[in-house]
N, C-alpha and C. Protein backbone atom coordinates (compact mmCIF):
# COMPACT_ATOMS: atom_id res chain seq x y z
N UNK A 1 -14.55 2.75 -4.24
CA UNK A 1 -13.48 2.58 -3.37
C UNK A 1 -12.03 3.52 -3.88
N UNK A 2 -11.64 4.21 -3.10
CA UNK A 2 -10.48 5.21 -3.20
C UNK A 2 -9.21 4.76 -2.60
N UNK A 3 -8.17 5.09 -3.21
CA UNK A 3 -6.65 4.71 -2.74
C UNK A 3 -5.87 6.06 -2.87
N UNK A 4 -4.97 6.29 -1.98
CA UNK A 4 -3.83 7.27 -2.17
C UNK A 4 -2.62 6.59 -2.77
N UNK A 5 -1.95 7.25 -3.71
CA UNK A 5 -0.85 6.35 -4.22
C UNK A 5 0.24 7.63 -4.48
N UNK A 6 1.56 6.95 -4.26
CA UNK A 6 2.64 7.80 -4.86
C UNK A 6 3.62 6.67 -5.77
N UNK A 7 3.67 7.19 -6.84
CA UNK A 7 4.57 6.27 -8.05
C UNK A 7 5.93 6.83 -8.04
N UNK A 8 6.99 6.05 -8.30
CA UNK A 8 8.31 6.54 -8.23
C UNK A 8 9.05 5.64 -9.04
N UNK A 9 10.23 5.91 -9.44
CA UNK A 9 11.22 5.09 -10.04
C UNK A 9 12.18 4.86 -9.17
N UNK A 10 12.45 3.57 -8.69
CA UNK A 10 13.56 3.28 -7.95
C UNK A 10 14.51 2.30 -8.43
N UNK A 11 15.51 2.71 -8.77
CA UNK A 11 16.60 1.85 -9.39
C UNK A 11 15.88 1.05 -10.79
N UNK A 12 15.42 1.80 -11.48
CA UNK A 12 14.99 1.42 -12.75
C UNK A 12 13.67 0.58 -12.58
N UNK A 13 13.14 0.63 -11.30
CA UNK A 13 11.91 -0.33 -11.04
C UNK A 13 10.86 0.57 -10.71
N UNK A 14 9.53 0.38 -11.08
CA UNK A 14 8.51 1.08 -10.54
C UNK A 14 7.90 0.62 -9.37
N UNK A 15 7.95 1.66 -8.54
CA UNK A 15 7.92 1.49 -7.16
C UNK A 15 6.38 2.12 -6.72
N UNK A 16 5.45 1.38 -6.21
CA UNK A 16 4.04 1.90 -5.91
C UNK A 16 4.00 2.01 -4.35
N UNK A 17 3.71 3.17 -3.65
CA UNK A 17 3.34 3.20 -2.17
C UNK A 17 1.95 3.65 -2.28
N UNK A 18 1.17 2.80 -1.76
CA UNK A 18 -0.54 2.90 -1.93
C UNK A 18 -1.12 2.65 -0.59
N UNK A 19 -2.16 3.29 -0.24
CA UNK A 19 -2.87 3.03 0.87
C UNK A 19 -4.19 3.17 0.61
N UNK A 20 -5.17 2.77 1.66
CA UNK A 20 -6.64 2.99 1.85
C UNK A 20 -6.74 4.58 2.16
N UNK A 21 -7.72 5.30 1.40
CA UNK A 21 -7.78 6.66 1.56
C UNK A 21 -7.86 7.08 2.87
N UNK A 22 -8.71 6.25 3.63
CA UNK A 22 -9.06 6.65 4.99
C UNK A 22 -8.01 6.52 6.08
N UNK A 23 -6.94 5.75 5.72
CA UNK A 23 -5.80 5.78 6.57
C UNK A 23 -4.62 6.97 6.43
N UNK A 24 -4.74 7.50 5.30
CA UNK A 24 -3.81 8.51 4.78
C UNK A 24 -3.60 9.72 5.94
N UNK A 25 -2.52 10.00 6.28
CA UNK A 25 -2.42 11.03 7.42
C UNK A 25 -2.53 10.78 8.90
N UNK A 26 -2.86 9.34 8.95
CA UNK A 26 -3.22 8.95 10.43
C UNK A 26 -2.07 8.19 11.01
N UNK A 27 -1.99 8.15 12.35
CA UNK A 27 -0.89 7.46 12.97
C UNK A 27 -1.41 6.15 13.52
N UNK A 28 -0.74 5.00 13.22
CA UNK A 28 -1.10 3.91 13.56
C UNK A 28 -0.34 3.49 14.67
N UNK A 29 -1.00 3.14 16.05
CA UNK A 29 -0.35 2.87 17.20
C UNK A 29 -0.66 1.39 17.65
N UNK A 30 0.51 0.70 18.05
CA UNK A 30 0.40 -0.41 18.59
C UNK A 30 1.77 -0.64 19.66
N UNK A 31 1.35 -0.69 21.08
CA UNK A 31 2.09 -0.63 22.14
C UNK A 31 2.97 0.62 22.05
N UNK A 32 4.45 0.40 22.12
CA UNK A 32 5.24 1.50 21.79
C UNK A 32 5.58 2.12 20.67
N UNK A 33 5.01 1.59 19.77
CA UNK A 33 5.38 1.78 18.08
C UNK A 33 4.15 2.82 17.75
N UNK A 34 4.48 3.71 16.97
CA UNK A 34 3.66 4.58 15.99
C UNK A 34 4.20 4.77 14.90
N UNK A 35 3.33 4.47 13.77
CA UNK A 35 3.80 4.66 12.36
C UNK A 35 2.72 5.61 11.71
N UNK A 36 3.35 6.72 11.13
CA UNK A 36 2.62 7.71 10.48
C UNK A 36 2.32 7.25 9.01
N UNK A 37 1.14 7.22 8.47
CA UNK A 37 0.93 6.91 7.23
C UNK A 37 0.86 8.33 6.34
N UNK A 38 2.04 8.87 6.22
CA UNK A 38 2.43 10.26 5.77
C UNK A 38 1.91 10.57 4.09
N UNK A 39 1.45 11.73 4.26
CA UNK A 39 0.98 12.24 2.58
C UNK A 39 2.17 12.32 2.06
N UNK A 40 3.40 12.57 2.63
CA UNK A 40 4.56 12.66 1.64
C UNK A 40 5.00 11.32 1.10
N UNK A 41 4.81 10.23 1.91
CA UNK A 41 5.10 8.99 1.32
C UNK A 41 3.92 8.35 0.41
N UNK A 42 2.80 8.49 0.65
CA UNK A 42 1.61 7.72 0.00
C UNK A 42 0.62 8.73 -0.67
N UNK A 43 0.91 10.22 -0.63
CA UNK A 43 -0.18 11.08 -0.96
C UNK A 43 -0.16 11.85 -2.10
N UNK A 44 0.47 11.16 -3.27
CA UNK A 44 0.75 12.09 -4.34
C UNK A 44 -0.50 12.28 -5.03
N UNK A 45 -1.28 11.18 -5.05
CA UNK A 45 -2.93 11.52 -5.77
C UNK A 45 -3.72 10.48 -5.44
N UNK A 46 -4.93 10.77 -5.48
CA UNK A 46 -5.97 9.96 -5.29
C UNK A 46 -6.35 9.14 -6.45
N UNK A 47 -6.61 7.63 -6.51
CA UNK A 47 -6.81 6.78 -7.46
C UNK A 47 -8.19 5.94 -7.31
N UNK A 48 -8.66 5.74 -8.07
CA UNK A 48 -9.67 4.76 -8.06
C UNK A 48 -9.51 3.02 -8.19
N UNK A 49 -10.51 2.31 -7.83
CA UNK A 49 -10.19 0.98 -7.73
C UNK A 49 -9.50 0.29 -9.21
N UNK A 50 -9.97 0.69 -10.33
CA UNK A 50 -9.44 -0.11 -11.35
C UNK A 50 -7.87 0.56 -11.66
N UNK A 51 -7.71 1.78 -11.40
CA UNK A 51 -6.18 2.34 -11.53
C UNK A 51 -5.19 1.58 -10.52
N UNK A 52 -5.82 1.25 -9.35
CA UNK A 52 -5.12 0.49 -8.39
C UNK A 52 -4.87 -0.70 -8.92
N UNK A 53 -6.06 -1.41 -9.52
CA UNK A 53 -5.52 -2.86 -10.04
C UNK A 53 -4.50 -2.83 -10.98
N UNK A 54 -4.34 -1.81 -11.98
CA UNK A 54 -3.32 -1.73 -13.02
C UNK A 54 -2.29 -1.49 -12.56
N UNK A 55 -1.98 -0.51 -11.51
CA UNK A 55 -0.75 -0.18 -10.78
C UNK A 55 -0.04 -1.28 -10.22
N UNK A 56 -0.91 -2.12 -9.53
CA UNK A 56 -0.38 -3.13 -8.68
C UNK A 56 0.19 -4.09 -9.77
N UNK A 57 -0.47 -4.60 -10.70
CA UNK A 57 -0.04 -5.49 -11.69
C UNK A 57 1.29 -4.93 -12.27
N UNK A 58 1.60 -3.64 -12.53
CA UNK A 58 2.86 -3.26 -13.29
C UNK A 58 4.04 -2.84 -12.32
N UNK A 59 3.68 -2.53 -10.99
CA UNK A 59 4.74 -2.09 -10.16
C UNK A 59 5.64 -3.49 -9.70
N UNK A 60 6.96 -3.15 -9.63
CA UNK A 60 7.91 -4.26 -9.19
C UNK A 60 8.18 -4.04 -7.72
N UNK A 61 7.92 -2.99 -7.21
CA UNK A 61 8.01 -2.89 -5.36
C UNK A 61 6.81 -2.30 -5.08
N UNK A 62 6.03 -2.79 -4.14
CA UNK A 62 4.82 -2.22 -3.54
C UNK A 62 4.65 -2.26 -2.27
N UNK A 63 4.50 -1.06 -1.59
CA UNK A 63 4.50 -0.90 0.04
C UNK A 63 2.71 -0.62 0.11
N UNK A 64 2.10 -1.53 0.70
CA UNK A 64 0.58 -1.27 0.85
C UNK A 64 0.21 -1.06 2.20
N UNK A 65 -0.80 -0.19 2.76
CA UNK A 65 -1.35 -0.15 3.94
C UNK A 65 -2.89 0.07 3.83
N UNK A 66 -3.54 -0.92 4.41
CA UNK A 66 -5.13 -0.65 4.63
C UNK A 66 -5.42 -2.06 4.07
N UNK A 67 -6.89 -2.41 4.78
CA UNK A 67 -7.44 -3.70 4.60
C UNK A 67 -7.79 -3.72 3.03
N UNK A 68 -8.37 -2.51 2.50
CA UNK A 68 -8.88 -2.73 1.00
C UNK A 68 -7.81 -3.05 0.07
N UNK A 69 -6.66 -2.13 0.02
CA UNK A 69 -5.69 -2.42 -0.79
C UNK A 69 -4.80 -3.78 -0.56
N UNK A 70 -4.66 -4.33 0.53
CA UNK A 70 -4.03 -5.43 0.77
C UNK A 70 -4.96 -6.44 0.31
N UNK A 71 -6.26 -6.59 0.68
CA UNK A 71 -7.18 -7.59 -0.01
C UNK A 71 -7.14 -7.47 -1.58
N UNK A 72 -7.08 -6.35 -2.14
CA UNK A 72 -7.19 -6.41 -3.49
C UNK A 72 -5.80 -6.95 -4.12
N UNK A 73 -4.65 -6.64 -3.44
CA UNK A 73 -3.45 -7.21 -3.90
C UNK A 73 -3.51 -8.70 -3.71
N UNK A 74 -3.81 -9.29 -2.80
CA UNK A 74 -4.08 -10.76 -2.55
C UNK A 74 -4.85 -11.54 -3.63
N UNK A 75 -6.10 -10.74 -3.89
CA UNK A 75 -7.05 -11.25 -4.73
C UNK A 75 -6.17 -11.23 -6.38
N UNK A 76 -5.58 -10.54 -6.55
CA UNK A 76 -4.94 -10.16 -7.83
C UNK A 76 -3.48 -11.32 -8.00
N UNK A 77 -3.28 -12.03 -6.84
CA UNK A 77 -2.41 -12.82 -6.90
C UNK A 77 -0.81 -12.21 -6.55
N UNK A 78 -0.87 -10.94 -6.07
CA UNK A 78 0.38 -10.09 -6.03
C UNK A 78 0.50 -10.13 -4.47
N UNK A 79 1.34 -10.75 -3.93
CA UNK A 79 1.49 -11.02 -2.37
C UNK A 79 0.71 -12.08 -1.82
N UNK A 80 0.93 -12.66 -0.69
CA UNK A 80 0.46 -13.81 -0.08
C UNK A 80 -0.17 -13.33 1.44
N UNK A 81 -1.12 -13.88 1.73
CA UNK A 81 -1.63 -13.71 3.09
C UNK A 81 -0.75 -14.05 4.21
N UNK A 82 0.03 -14.89 3.92
CA UNK A 82 1.24 -15.09 5.23
C UNK A 82 2.16 -14.05 5.08
N UNK A 83 2.32 -13.02 4.24
CA UNK A 83 3.11 -12.04 4.54
C UNK A 83 2.62 -10.63 4.87
N UNK A 84 1.22 -10.84 5.28
CA UNK A 84 0.65 -9.46 5.57
C UNK A 84 0.92 -9.38 7.29
N UNK A 85 1.24 -8.27 7.57
CA UNK A 85 1.56 -8.04 8.98
C UNK A 85 0.49 -6.91 9.37
N UNK A 86 0.12 -7.17 10.72
CA UNK A 86 -0.97 -6.18 11.40
C UNK A 86 -0.41 -5.34 12.47
N UNK A 87 -0.63 -4.08 12.23
CA UNK A 87 0.04 -3.07 13.19
C UNK A 87 -1.43 -2.30 13.84
N UNK A 88 -1.67 -2.24 14.93
CA UNK A 88 -2.80 -1.54 15.32
C UNK A 88 -4.07 -1.86 14.62
N UNK A 89 -4.40 -3.16 14.14
CA UNK A 89 -5.27 -3.57 13.52
C UNK A 89 -5.55 -3.12 12.07
N UNK A 90 -4.26 -2.58 11.56
CA UNK A 90 -4.11 -2.29 10.05
C UNK A 90 -3.32 -2.93 9.41
N UNK A 91 -3.67 -3.74 8.25
CA UNK A 91 -2.79 -4.66 7.67
C UNK A 91 -1.74 -3.73 6.86
N UNK A 92 -0.67 -4.47 6.70
CA UNK A 92 0.57 -3.89 5.94
C UNK A 92 1.07 -4.87 5.15
N UNK A 93 1.45 -4.84 3.86
CA UNK A 93 2.17 -5.60 2.90
C UNK A 93 3.19 -5.00 1.98
N UNK A 94 4.37 -5.70 2.00
CA UNK A 94 5.41 -5.00 1.20
C UNK A 94 5.61 -6.35 0.01
N UNK A 95 5.72 -5.89 -1.12
CA UNK A 95 5.93 -7.13 -2.19
C UNK A 95 6.95 -6.43 -2.98
N UNK A 96 7.97 -7.36 -3.43
CA UNK A 96 9.09 -7.03 -4.38
C UNK A 96 8.88 -8.18 -5.37
N UNK A 97 8.59 -8.01 -6.65
CA UNK A 97 8.55 -8.67 -7.75
C UNK A 97 9.81 -8.83 -8.34
N UNK A 98 9.88 -10.27 -8.54
CA UNK A 98 11.44 -10.81 -9.25
C UNK A 98 11.28 -10.96 -10.75
């Protein structure tokens, strides 16, 4: 399983933008809303399952898109099922760790 991730320092916090590799560069459409899962935001590099787990545990702010990455985050106890939003059948989850 592979993911696409971009890691940045945001106000002295590690911010992780991560998505399932199969949604990278795609438009997610629901009703009048279109969201592009852009390579600029999510596409710095391709990572594997183990690196994704490590980054999810380390990051303070996480933007996630895709069934696999959202499921992994919830399995790790980072984020909650009731925080997941669905757009065009694609799950999204944003986590801020305090």
